Amino acid sequence: MRELTKSLLTFSLTMSLFGVKQLGNLLNPARSQATGLQMKEAFDSLSNVAQQQFGETFQETFQAGDEIQRRMIDAMYGFLESDRDRTPRPPANPLPLSQQNGWGPVV
């Protein structure tokens, strides 16, 4: 039981520090596309190791849940990207600056 407790605490500390490291990477203003790829690979690696511990039932449950999550993220990003493309832009005003907004020469 002692060794199990040590392992649980080590795991907890490891996950906490991993989260802090990835949060630091995310908030780093000098973050590059390579850093983003490294972060993705770190999360994928950790996920793969955890998945190897699943039995058949949990593997199927995980795959179903992961598919739902991925589709939701694709839909969300698709909506945000299409919304950005539809953002109305003010039309160019062909009037001279002095005649815009009703201000112009007093007659």
PDB file of N, CA and C in Angstrom:
ATOM      1  N   MET A   1       0.821  -1.191   0.000  1.00  0.00           N
ATOM      2  CA  MET A   1       0.000   0.000   0.000  1.00  0.00           C
ATOM      3  C   MET A   1       0.871   1.264   0.000  1.00  0.00           C
ATOM      4  N   ARG A   2       1.993   1.212   0.686  1.00  0.00           N
ATOM      5  CA  ARG A   2       2.890   2.357   0.753  1.00  0.00           C
ATOM      6  C   ARG A   2       3.395   2.730  -0.639  1.00  0.00           C
ATOM      7  N   GLU A   3       3.796   1.736  -1.428  1.00  0.00           N
ATOM      8  CA  GLU A   3       4.328   2.009  -2.765  1.00  0.00           C
ATOM      9  C   GLU A   3       3.236   2.537  -3.693  1.00  0.00           C
ATOM     10  N   LEU A   4       2.020   2.043  -3.544  1.00  0.00           N
ATOM     11  CA  LEU A   4       0.904   2.546  -4.334  1.00  0.00           C
ATOM     12  C   LEU A   4       0.650   4.027  -4.008  1.00  0.00           C
ATOM     13  N   THR A   5       0.685   4.354  -2.732  1.00  0.00           N
ATOM     14  CA  THR A   5       0.485   5.744  -2.309  1.00  0.00           C
ATOM     15  C   THR A   5       1.575   6.637  -2.890  1.00  0.00           C
ATOM     16  N   LYS A   6       2.819   6.176  -2.847  1.00  0.00           N
ATOM     17  CA  LYS A   6       3.915   6.947  -3.430  1.00  0.00           C
ATOM     18  C   LYS A   6       3.697   7.156  -4.930  1.00  0.00           C
ATOM     19  N   SER A   7       3.276   6.106  -5.608  1.00  0.00           N
ATOM     20  CA  SER A   7       3.036   6.202  -7.052  1.00  0.00           C
ATOM     21  C   SER A   7       1.910   7.185  -7.365  1.00  0.00           C
ATOM     22  N   LEU A   8       0.840   7.131  -6.574  1.00  0.00           N
ATOM     23  CA  LEU A   8      -0.270   8.057  -6.787  1.00  0.00           C
ATOM     24  C   LEU A   8       0.168   9.508  -6.598  1.00  0.00           C
ATOM     25  N   LEU A   9       0.954   9.766  -5.572  1.00  0.00           N
ATOM     26  CA  LEU A   9       1.425  11.122  -5.319  1.00  0.00           C
ATOM     27  C   LEU A   9       2.412  11.585  -6.391  1.00  0.00           C
ATOM     28  N   THR A  10       3.262  10.686  -6.856  1.00  0.00           N
ATOM     29  CA  THR A  10       4.191  11.015  -7.938  1.00  0.00           C
ATOM     30  C   THR A  10       3.416  11.363  -9.201  1.00  0.00           C
ATOM     31  N   PHE A  11       2.404  10.560  -9.487  1.00  0.00           N
ATOM     32  CA  PHE A  11       1.563  10.835 -10.659  1.00  0.00           C
ATOM     33  C   PHE A  11       0.899  12.206 -10.539  1.00  0.00           C
ATOM     34  N   SER A  12       0.342  12.486  -9.384  1.00  0.00           N
ATOM     35  CA  SER A  12      -0.338  13.759  -9.157  1.00  0.00           C
ATOM     36  C   SER A  12       0.627  14.932  -9.343  1.00  0.00           C
ATOM     37  N   LEU A  13       1.813  14.834  -8.775  1.00  0.00           N
ATOM     38  CA  LEU A  13       2.809  15.883  -8.916  1.00  0.00           C
ATOM     39  C   LEU A  13       3.237  16.029 -10.376  1.00  0.00           C
ATOM     40  N   THR A  14       3.440  14.917 -11.049  1.00  0.00           N
ATOM     41  CA  THR A  14       3.848  14.934 -12.460  1.00  0.00           C
ATOM     42  C   THR A  14       2.803  15.634 -13.318  1.00  0.00           C
ATOM     43  N   MET A  15       1.529  15.302 -13.116  1.00  0.00           N
ATOM     44  CA  MET A  15       0.467  15.911 -13.913  1.00  0.00           C
ATOM     45  C   MET A  15       0.350  17.402 -13.623  1.00  0.00           C
ATOM     46  N   SER A  16       0.515  17.778 -12.373  1.00  0.00           N
ATOM     47  CA  SER A  16       0.456  19.196 -12.020  1.00  0.00           C
ATOM     48  C   SER A  16       1.571  19.979 -12.698  1.00  0.00           C
ATOM     49  N   LEU A  17       2.783  19.461 -12.615  1.00  0.00           N
ATOM     50  CA  LEU A  17       3.916  20.148 -13.232  1.00  0.00           C
ATOM     51  C   LEU A  17       3.817  20.157 -14.753  1.00  0.00           C
ATOM     52  N   PHE A  18       3.309  19.086 -15.322  1.00  0.00           N
ATOM     53  CA  PHE A  18       3.099  19.030 -16.771  1.00  0.00           C
ATOM     54  C   PHE A  18       2.118  20.131 -17.190  1.00  0.00           C
ATOM     55  N   GLY A  19       1.035  20.270 -16.441  1.00  0.00           N
ATOM     56  CA  GLY A  19       0.051  21.312 -16.731  1.00  0.00           C
ATOM     57  C   GLY A  19       0.639  22.704 -16.618  1.00  0.00           C
ATOM     58  N   VAL A  20       1.439  22.939 -15.588  1.00  0.00           N
ATOM     59  CA  VAL A  20       2.078  24.241 -15.401  1.00  0.00           C
ATOM     60  C   VAL A  20       3.031  24.526 -16.564  1.00  0.00           C
ATOM     61  N   LYS A  21       3.803  23.527 -16.963  1.00  0.00           N
ATOM     62  CA  LYS A  21       4.747  23.715 -18.073  1.00  0.00           C
ATOM     63  C   LYS A  21       4.005  24.053 -19.361  1.00  0.00           C
ATOM     64  N   GLN A  22       2.931  23.328 -19.661  1.00  0.00           N
ATOM     65  CA  GLN A  22       2.199  23.575 -20.896  1.00  0.00           C
ATOM     66  C   GLN A  22       1.484  24.925 -20.853  1.00  0.00           C
ATOM     67  N   LEU A  23       0.991  25.320 -19.690  1.00  0.00           N
ATOM     68  CA  LEU A  23       0.369  26.631 -19.544  1.00  0.00           C
ATOM     69  C   LEU A  23       1.403  27.728 -19.783  1.00  0.00           C
ATOM     70  N   GLY A  24       2.610  27.544 -19.239  1.00  0.00           N
ATOM     71  CA  GLY A  24       3.696  28.496 -19.486  1.00  0.00           C
ATOM     72  C   GLY A  24       4.028  28.591 -20.964  1.00  0.00           C
ATOM     73  N   ASN A  25       4.070  27.452 -21.644  1.00  0.00           N
ATOM     74  CA  ASN A  25       4.320  27.457 -23.089  1.00  0.00           C
ATOM     75  C   ASN A  25       3.212  28.203 -23.826  1.00  0.00           C
ATOM     76  N   LEU A  26       1.987  27.986 -23.414  1.00  0.00           N
ATOM     77  CA  LEU A  26       0.846  28.613 -24.067  1.00  0.00           C
ATOM     78  C   LEU A  26       0.854  30.127 -23.887  1.00  0.00           C
ATOM     79  N   LEU A  27       1.225  30.577 -22.706  1.00  0.00           N
ATOM     80  CA  LEU A  27       1.206  32.011 -22.401  1.00  0.00           C
ATOM     81  C   LEU A  27       2.466  32.747 -22.835  1.00  0.00           C
ATOM     82  N   ASN A  28       3.466  32.031 -23.289  1.00  0.00           N
ATOM     83  CA  ASN A  28       4.728  32.631 -23.703  1.00  0.00           C
ATOM     84  C   ASN A  28       4.513  33.470 -24.963  1.00  0.00           C
ATOM     85  N   PRO A  29       4.747  34.785 -24.895  1.00  0.00           N
ATOM     86  CA  PRO A  29       4.517  35.627 -26.073  1.00  0.00           C
ATOM     87  C   PRO A  29       5.451  35.299 -27.235  1.00  0.00           C
ATOM     88  N   ALA A  30       6.566  34.656 -26.959  1.00  0.00           N
ATOM     89  CA  ALA A  30       7.508  34.295 -28.020  1.00  0.00           C
ATOM     90  C   ALA A  30       7.209  32.902 -28.589  1.00  0.00           C
ATOM     91  N   ARG A  31       6.045  32.388 -28.234  1.00  0.00           N
ATOM     92  CA  ARG A  31       5.670  31.040 -28.692  1.00  0.00           C
ATOM     93  C   ARG A  31       5.640  30.991 -30.216  1.00  0.00           C
ATOM     94  N   SER A  32       6.207  29.964 -30.763  1.00  0.00           N
ATOM     95  CA  SER A  32       6.239  29.800 -32.209  1.00  0.00           C
ATOM     96  C   SER A  32       5.361  28.620 -32.604  1.00  0.00           C
ATOM     97  N   GLN A  33       5.251  28.420 -33.885  1.00  0.00           N
ATOM     98  CA  GLN A  33       4.484  27.275 -34.378  1.00  0.00           C
ATOM     99  C   GLN A  33       5.160  25.969 -33.945  1.00  0.00           C
ATOM    100  N   ALA A  34       6.490  25.972 -33.861  1.00  0.00           N
ATOM    101  CA  ALA A  34       7.219  24.786 -33.411  1.00  0.00           C
ATOM    102  C   ALA A  34       6.875  24.463 -31.962  1.00  0.00           C
ATOM    103  N   THR A  35       6.727  25.493 -31.128  1.00  0.00           N
ATOM    104  CA  THR A  35       6.352  25.266 -29.727  1.00  0.00           C
ATOM    105  C   THR A  35       4.966  24.653 -29.648  1.00  0.00           C
ATOM    106  N   GLY A  36       4.050  25.143 -30.484  1.00  0.00           N
ATOM    107  CA  GLY A  36       2.705  24.576 -30.523  1.00  0.00           C
ATOM    108  C   GLY A  36       2.736  23.110 -30.929  1.00  0.00           C
ATOM    109  N   LEU A  37       3.575  22.775 -31.890  1.00  0.00           N
ATOM    110  CA  LEU A  37       3.703  21.383 -32.324  1.00  0.00           C
ATOM    111  C   LEU A  37       4.293  20.528 -31.207  1.00  0.00           C
ATOM    112  N   GLN A  38       5.284  21.055 -30.489  1.00  0.00           N
ATOM    113  CA  GLN A  38       5.869  20.321 -29.366  1.00  0.00           C
ATOM    114  C   GLN A  38       4.829  20.082 -28.278  1.00  0.00           C
ATOM    115  N   MET A  39       3.990  21.085 -28.022  1.00  0.00           N
ATOM    116  CA  MET A  39       2.945  20.927 -27.016  1.00  0.00           C
ATOM    117  C   MET A  39       1.961  19.845 -27.442  1.00  0.00           C
ATOM    118  N   LYS A  40       1.557  19.875 -28.715  1.00  0.00           N
ATOM    119  CA  LYS A  40       0.626  18.860 -29.237  1.00  0.00           C
ATOM    120  C   LYS A  40       1.224  17.470 -29.080  1.00  0.00           C
ATOM    121  N   GLU A  41       2.497  17.334 -29.424  1.00  0.00           N
ATOM    122  CA  GLU A  41       3.161  16.041 -29.322  1.00  0.00           C
ATOM    123  C   GLU A  41       3.254  15.585 -27.864  1.00  0.00           C
ATOM    124  N   ALA A  42       3.486  16.510 -26.944  1.00  0.00           N
ATOM    125  CA  ALA A  42       3.558  16.156 -25.521  1.00  0.00           C
ATOM    126  C   ALA A  42       2.208  15.656 -25.030  1.00  0.00           C
ATOM    127  N   PHE A  43       1.124  16.358 -25.382  1.00  0.00           N
ATOM    128  CA  PHE A  43      -0.212  15.912 -24.979  1.00  0.00           C
ATOM    129  C   PHE A  43      -0.569  14.580 -25.627  1.00  0.00           C
ATOM    130  N   ASP A  44      -0.246  14.417 -26.922  1.00  0.00           N
ATOM    131  CA  ASP A  44      -0.533  13.156 -27.611  1.00  0.00           C
ATOM    132  C   ASP A  44       0.224  11.995 -26.976  1.00  0.00           C
ATOM    133  N   SER A  45       1.493  12.230 -26.638  1.00  0.00           N
ATOM    134  CA  SER A  45       2.315  11.188 -26.018  1.00  0.00           C
ATOM    135  C   SER A  45       1.726  10.749 -24.678  1.00  0.00           C
ATOM    136  N   LEU A  46       1.353  11.718 -23.876  1.00  0.00           N
ATOM    137  CA  LEU A  46       0.760  11.419 -22.573  1.00  0.00           C
ATOM    138  C   LEU A  46      -0.563  10.673 -22.734  1.00  0.00           C
ATOM    139  N   SER A  47      -1.372  11.112 -23.681  1.00  0.00           N
ATOM    140  CA  SER A  47      -2.655  10.443 -23.939  1.00  0.00           C
ATOM    141  C   SER A  47      -2.442   8.999 -24.395  1.00  0.00           C
ATOM    142  N   ASN A  48      -1.461   8.796 -25.268  1.00  0.00           N
ATOM    143  CA  ASN A  48      -1.198   7.436 -25.768  1.00  0.00           C
ATOM    144  C   ASN A  48      -0.753   6.500 -24.654  1.00  0.00           C
ATOM    145  N   VAL A  49       0.080   6.990 -23.758  1.00  0.00           N
ATOM    146  CA  VAL A  49       0.539   6.158 -22.635  1.00  0.00           C
ATOM    147  C   VAL A  49      -0.652   5.776 -21.752  1.00  0.00           C
ATOM    148  N   ALA A  50      -1.526   6.729 -21.481  1.00  0.00           N
ATOM    149  CA  ALA A  50      -2.705   6.446 -20.652  1.00  0.00           C
ATOM    150  C   ALA A  50      -3.633   5.455 -21.358  1.00  0.00           C
ATOM    151  N   GLN A  51      -3.816   5.626 -22.655  1.00  0.00           N
ATOM    152  CA  GLN A  51      -4.700   4.721 -23.409  1.00  0.00           C
ATOM    153  C   GLN A  51      -4.209   3.283 -23.380  1.00  0.00           C
ATOM    154  N   GLN A  52      -2.908   3.095 -23.312  1.00  0.00           N
ATOM    155  CA  GLN A  52      -2.351   1.741 -23.283  1.00  0.00           C
ATOM    156  C   GLN A  52      -2.762   0.993 -22.026  1.00  0.00           C
ATOM    157  N   GLN A  53      -3.181   1.724 -21.006  1.00  0.00           N
ATOM    158  CA  GLN A  53      -3.596   1.093 -19.753  1.00  0.00           C
ATOM    159  C   GLN A  53      -5.075   0.693 -19.767  1.00  0.00           C
ATOM    160  N   PHE A  54      -5.827   1.135 -20.781  1.00  0.00           N
ATOM    161  CA  PHE A  54      -7.247   0.836 -20.856  1.00  0.00           C
ATOM    162  C   PHE A  54      -7.484  -0.597 -21.307  1.00  0.00           C
ATOM    163  N   GLY A  55      -8.553  -1.175 -20.796  1.00  0.00           N
ATOM    164  CA  GLY A  55      -9.025  -2.442 -21.329  1.00  0.00           C
ATOM    165  C   GLY A  55      -9.873  -2.162 -22.556  1.00  0.00           C
ATOM    166  N   GLU A  56     -10.435  -3.199 -23.120  1.00  0.00           N
ATOM    167  CA  GLU A  56     -11.216  -3.070 -24.351  1.00  0.00           C
ATOM    168  C   GLU A  56     -12.420  -2.135 -24.167  1.00  0.00           C
ATOM    169  N   THR A  57     -13.136  -2.283 -23.059  1.00  0.00           N
ATOM    170  CA  THR A  57     -14.324  -1.460 -22.821  1.00  0.00           C
ATOM    171  C   THR A  57     -13.951   0.011 -22.716  1.00  0.00           C
ATOM    172  N   PHE A  58     -12.936   0.322 -21.933  1.00  0.00           N
ATOM    173  CA  PHE A  58     -12.524   1.713 -21.783  1.00  0.00           C
ATOM    174  C   PHE A  58     -11.954   2.263 -23.091  1.00  0.00           C
ATOM    175  N   GLN A  59     -11.289   1.426 -23.859  1.00  0.00           N
ATOM    176  CA  GLN A  59     -10.734   1.874 -25.141  1.00  0.00           C
ATOM    177  C   GLN A  59     -11.865   2.308 -26.078  1.00  0.00           C
ATOM    178  N   GLU A  60     -12.935   1.506 -26.138  1.00  0.00           N
ATOM    179  CA  GLU A  60     -14.077   1.859 -26.986  1.00  0.00           C
ATOM    180  C   GLU A  60     -14.758   3.127 -26.478  1.00  0.00           C
ATOM    181  N   THR A  61     -14.899   3.246 -25.171  1.00  0.00           N
ATOM    182  CA  THR A  61     -15.512   4.441 -24.584  1.00  0.00           C
ATOM    183  C   THR A  61     -14.655   5.661 -24.866  1.00  0.00           C
ATOM    184  N   PHE A  62     -13.355   5.506 -24.709  1.00  0.00           N
ATOM    185  CA  PHE A  62     -12.440   6.613 -24.984  1.00  0.00           C
ATOM    186  C   PHE A  62     -12.539   7.048 -26.442  1.00  0.00           C
ATOM    187  N   GLN A  63     -12.511   6.088 -27.358  1.00  0.00           N
ATOM    188  CA  GLN A  63     -12.549   6.423 -28.783  1.00  0.00           C
ATOM    189  C   GLN A  63     -13.842   7.151 -29.150  1.00  0.00           C
ATOM    190  N   ALA A  64     -14.960   6.717 -28.578  1.00  0.00           N
ATOM    191  CA  ALA A  64     -16.231   7.390 -28.846  1.00  0.00           C
ATOM    192  C   ALA A  64     -16.210   8.816 -28.302  1.00  0.00           C
ATOM    193  N   GLY A  65     -15.755   8.976 -27.067  1.00  0.00           N
ATOM    194  CA  GLY A  65     -15.683  10.307 -26.469  1.00  0.00           C
ATOM    195  C   GLY A  65     -14.714  11.210 -27.193  1.00  0.00           C
ATOM    196  N   ASP A  66     -13.576  10.670 -27.600  1.00  0.00           N
ATOM    197  CA  ASP A  66     -12.575  11.456 -28.312  1.00  0.00           C
ATOM    198  C   ASP A  66     -13.119  11.924 -29.659  1.00  0.00           C
ATOM    199  N   GLU A  67     -13.837  11.051 -30.334  1.00  0.00           N
ATOM    200  CA  GLU A  67     -14.431  11.420 -31.629  1.00  0.00           C
ATOM    201  C   GLU A  67     -15.439  12.553 -31.458  1.00  0.00           C
ATOM    202  N   ILE A  68     -16.262  12.479 -30.426  1.00  0.00           N
ATOM    203  CA  ILE A  68     -17.245  13.541 -30.156  1.00  0.00           C
ATOM    204  C   ILE A  68     -16.524  14.864 -29.878  1.00  0.00           C
ATOM    205  N   GLN A  69     -15.506  14.814 -29.020  1.00  0.00           N
ATOM    206  CA  GLN A  69     -14.743  16.030 -28.700  1.00  0.00           C
ATOM    207  C   GLN A  69     -14.121  16.652 -29.939  1.00  0.00           C
ATOM    208  N   ARG A  70     -13.507  15.824 -30.760  1.00  0.00           N
ATOM    209  CA  ARG A  70     -12.828  16.329 -31.954  1.00  0.00           C
ATOM    210  C   ARG A  70     -13.818  16.962 -32.929  1.00  0.00           C
ATOM    211  N   ARG A  71     -14.981  16.346 -33.080  1.00  0.00           N
ATOM    212  CA  ARG A  71     -16.002  16.917 -33.975  1.00  0.00           C
ATOM    213  C   ARG A  71     -16.521  18.247 -33.434  1.00  0.00           C
ATOM    214  N   MET A  72     -16.689  18.328 -32.110  1.00  0.00           N
ATOM    215  CA  MET A  72     -17.153  19.577 -31.516  1.00  0.00           C
ATOM    216  C   MET A  72     -16.133  20.699 -31.735  1.00  0.00           C
ATOM    217  N   ILE A  73     -14.860  20.385 -31.564  1.00  0.00           N
ATOM    218  CA  ILE A  73     -13.807  21.387 -31.771  1.00  0.00           C
ATOM    219  C   ILE A  73     -13.764  21.812 -33.232  1.00  0.00           C
ATOM    220  N   ASP A  74     -13.865  20.848 -34.160  1.00  0.00           N
ATOM    221  CA  ASP A  74     -13.881  21.194 -35.585  1.00  0.00           C
ATOM    222  C   ASP A  74     -15.064  22.099 -35.907  1.00  0.00           C
ATOM    223  N   ALA A  75     -16.232  21.773 -35.345  1.00  0.00           N
ATOM    224  CA  ALA A  75     -17.421  22.593 -35.594  1.00  0.00           C
ATOM    225  C   ALA A  75     -17.236  23.995 -35.017  1.00  0.00           C
ATOM    226  N   MET A  76     -16.698  24.088 -33.807  1.00  0.00           N
ATOM    227  CA  MET A  76     -16.505  25.382 -33.174  1.00  0.00           C
ATOM    228  C   MET A  76     -15.534  26.243 -33.983  1.00  0.00           C
ATOM    229  N   TYR A  77     -14.398  25.667 -34.357  1.00  0.00           N
ATOM    230  CA  TYR A  77     -13.431  26.431 -35.141  1.00  0.00           C
ATOM    231  C   TYR A  77     -13.990  26.770 -36.515  1.00  0.00           C
ATOM    232  N   GLY A  78     -14.735  25.854 -37.111  1.00  0.00           N
ATOM    233  CA  GLY A  78     -15.366  26.130 -38.399  1.00  0.00           C
ATOM    234  C   GLY A  78     -16.326  27.300 -38.302  1.00  0.00           C
ATOM    235  N   PHE A  79     -17.115  27.331 -37.219  1.00  0.00           N
ATOM    236  CA  PHE A  79     -18.060  28.438 -37.012  1.00  0.00           C
ATOM    237  C   PHE A  79     -17.317  29.748 -36.805  1.00  0.00           C
ATOM    238  N   LEU A  80     -16.284  29.728 -35.965  1.00  0.00           N
ATOM    239  CA  LEU A  80     -15.536  30.953 -35.691  1.00  0.00           C
ATOM    240  C   LEU A  80     -14.836  31.476 -36.941  1.00  0.00           C
ATOM    241  N   GLU A  81     -14.290  30.569 -37.737  1.00  0.00           N
ATOM    242  CA  GLU A  81     -13.607  30.996 -38.952  1.00  0.00           C
ATOM    243  C   GLU A  81     -14.598  31.534 -39.968  1.00  0.00           C
ATOM    244  N   SER A  82     -15.756  30.905 -40.099  1.00  0.00           N
ATOM    245  CA  SER A  82     -16.744  31.403 -41.052  1.00  0.00           C
ATOM    246  C   SER A  82     -17.345  32.706 -40.552  1.00  0.00           C
ATOM    247  N   ASP A  83     -17.492  32.859 -39.223  1.00  0.00           N
ATOM    248  CA  ASP A  83     -18.018  34.096 -38.655  1.00  0.00           C
ATOM    249  C   ASP A  83     -17.043  35.245 -38.902  1.00  0.00           C
ATOM    250  N   ARG A  84     -15.763  34.961 -38.803  1.00  0.00           N
ATOM    251  CA  ARG A  84     -14.752  35.988 -39.053  1.00  0.00           C
ATOM    252  C   ARG A  84     -14.837  36.456 -40.505  1.00  0.00           C
ATOM    253  N   ASP A  85     -15.113  35.528 -41.422  1.00  0.00           N
ATOM    254  CA  ASP A  85     -15.225  35.890 -42.830  1.00  0.00           C
ATOM    255  C   ASP A  85     -16.470  36.725 -43.104  1.00  0.00           C
ATOM    256  N   ARG A  86     -17.501  36.591 -42.253  1.00  0.00           N
ATOM    257  CA  ARG A  86     -18.760  37.316 -42.463  1.00  0.00           C
ATOM    258  C   ARG A  86     -18.823  38.627 -41.689  1.00  0.00           C
ATOM    259  N   THR A  87     -17.774  38.968 -40.991  1.00  0.00           N
ATOM    260  CA  THR A  87     -17.791  40.189 -40.197  1.00  0.00           C
ATOM    261  C   THR A  87     -17.998  41.374 -41.130  1.00  0.00           C
ATOM    262  N   PRO A  88     -19.076  42.150 -40.909  1.00  0.00           N
ATOM    263  CA  PRO A  88     -19.317  43.276 -41.814  1.00  0.00           C
ATOM    264  C   PRO A  88     -18.237  44.339 -41.671  1.00  0.00           C
ATOM    265  N   ARG A  89     -17.873  44.861 -42.786  1.00  0.00           N
ATOM    266  CA  ARG A  89     -16.897  45.935 -42.799  1.00  0.00           C
ATOM    267  C   ARG A  89     -17.611  47.194 -43.276  1.00  0.00           C
ATOM    268  N   PRO A  90     -17.277  48.340 -42.725  1.00  0.00           N
ATOM    269  CA  PRO A  90     -17.950  49.562 -43.174  1.00  0.00           C
ATOM    270  C   PRO A  90     -17.618  49.838 -44.627  1.00  0.00           C
ATOM    271  N   PRO A  91     -18.615  50.288 -45.386  1.00  0.00           N
ATOM    272  CA  PRO A  91     -18.349  50.584 -46.800  1.00  0.00           C
ATOM    273  C   PRO A  91     -17.459  51.817 -46.919  1.00  0.00           C
ATOM    274  N   ALA A  92     -16.724  51.839 -47.984  1.00  0.00           N
ATOM    275  CA  ALA A  92     -15.898  53.015 -48.253  1.00  0.00           C
ATOM    276  C   ALA A  92     -16.833  54.186 -48.525  1.00  0.00           C
ATOM    277  N   ASN A  93     -16.552  55.328 -47.943  1.00  0.00           N
ATOM    278  CA  ASN A  93     -17.405  56.495 -48.115  1.00  0.00           C
ATOM    279  C   ASN A  93     -16.870  57.331 -49.274  1.00  0.00           C
ATOM    280  N   PRO A  94     -17.667  57.469 -50.348  1.00  0.00           N
ATOM    281  CA  PRO A  94     -17.182  58.208 -51.513  1.00  0.00           C
ATOM    282  C   PRO A  94     -17.221  59.724 -51.326  1.00  0.00           C
ATOM    283  N   LEU A  95     -17.858  60.183 -50.252  1.00  0.00           N
ATOM    284  CA  LEU A  95     -17.954  61.630 -50.041  1.00  0.00           C
ATOM    285  C   LEU A  95     -16.639  62.185 -49.506  1.00  0.00           C
ATOM    286  N   PRO A  96     -16.343  63.417 -49.819  1.00  0.00           N
ATOM    287  CA  PRO A  96     -15.162  64.055 -49.221  1.00  0.00           C
ATOM    288  C   PRO A  96     -15.340  64.133 -47.708  1.00  0.00           C
ATOM    289  N   LEU A  97     -14.242  64.164 -47.001  1.00  0.00           N
ATOM    290  CA  LEU A  97     -14.261  64.171 -45.548  1.00  0.00           C
ATOM    291  C   LEU A  97     -15.121  65.302 -44.987  1.00  0.00           C
ATOM    292  N   SER A  98     -15.109  66.442 -45.620  1.00  0.00           N
ATOM    293  CA  SER A  98     -15.872  67.586 -45.109  1.00  0.00           C
ATOM    294  C   SER A  98     -17.377  67.371 -45.202  1.00  0.00           C
ATOM    295  N   GLN A  99     -17.833  66.463 -46.051  1.00  0.00           N
ATOM    296  CA  GLN A  99     -19.268  66.222 -46.224  1.00  0.00           C
ATOM    297  C   GLN A  99     -19.756  64.983 -45.484  1.00  0.00           C
ATOM    298  N   GLN A 100     -18.875  64.236 -44.858  1.00  0.00           N
ATOM    299  CA  GLN A 100     -19.280  63.051 -44.128  1.00  0.00           C
ATOM    300  C   GLN A 100     -19.942  63.442 -42.827  1.00  0.00           C
ATOM    301  N   ASN A 101     -20.857  62.635 -42.338  1.00  0.00           N
ATOM    302  CA  ASN A 101     -21.551  62.825 -41.056  1.00  0.00           C
ATOM    303  C   ASN A 101     -22.319  64.140 -40.985  1.00  0.00           C
ATOM    304  N   GLY A 102     -22.676  64.695 -42.112  1.00  0.00           N
ATOM    305  CA  GLY A 102     -23.505  65.893 -42.108  1.00  0.00           C
ATOM    306  C   GLY A 102     -22.745  67.194 -41.902  1.00  0.00           C
ATOM    307  N   TRP A 103     -21.475  67.130 -41.721  1.00  0.00           N
ATOM    308  CA  TRP A 103     -20.684  68.346 -41.545  1.00  0.00           C
ATOM    309  C   TRP A 103     -20.155  68.783 -42.882  1.00  0.00           C
ATOM    310  N   GLY A 104     -20.370  69.990 -43.215  1.00  0.00           N
ATOM    311  CA  GLY A 104     -19.894  70.524 -44.467  1.00  0.00           C
ATOM    312  C   GLY A 104     -19.989  72.027 -44.447  1.00  0.00           C
ATOM    313  N   PRO A 105     -19.779  72.613 -45.574  1.00  0.00           N
ATOM    314  CA  PRO A 105     -19.857  74.072 -45.611  1.00  0.00           C
ATOM    315  C   PRO A 105     -21.277  74.554 -45.307  1.00  0.00           C
ATOM    316  N   VAL A 106     -21.388  75.594 -44.555  1.00  0.00           N
ATOM    317  CA  VAL A 106     -22.679  76.186 -44.244  1.00  0.00           C
ATOM    318  C   VAL A 106     -23.076  77.079 -45.402  1.00  0.00           C
ATOM    319  N   VAL A 107     -24.265  76.866 -45.921  1.00  0.00           N
ATOM    320  CA  VAL A 107     -24.724  77.658 -47.058  1.00  0.00           C
ATOM    321  C   VAL A 107     -25.699  78.708 -46.611  1.00  0.00           C
TER     322      VAL A 107
END
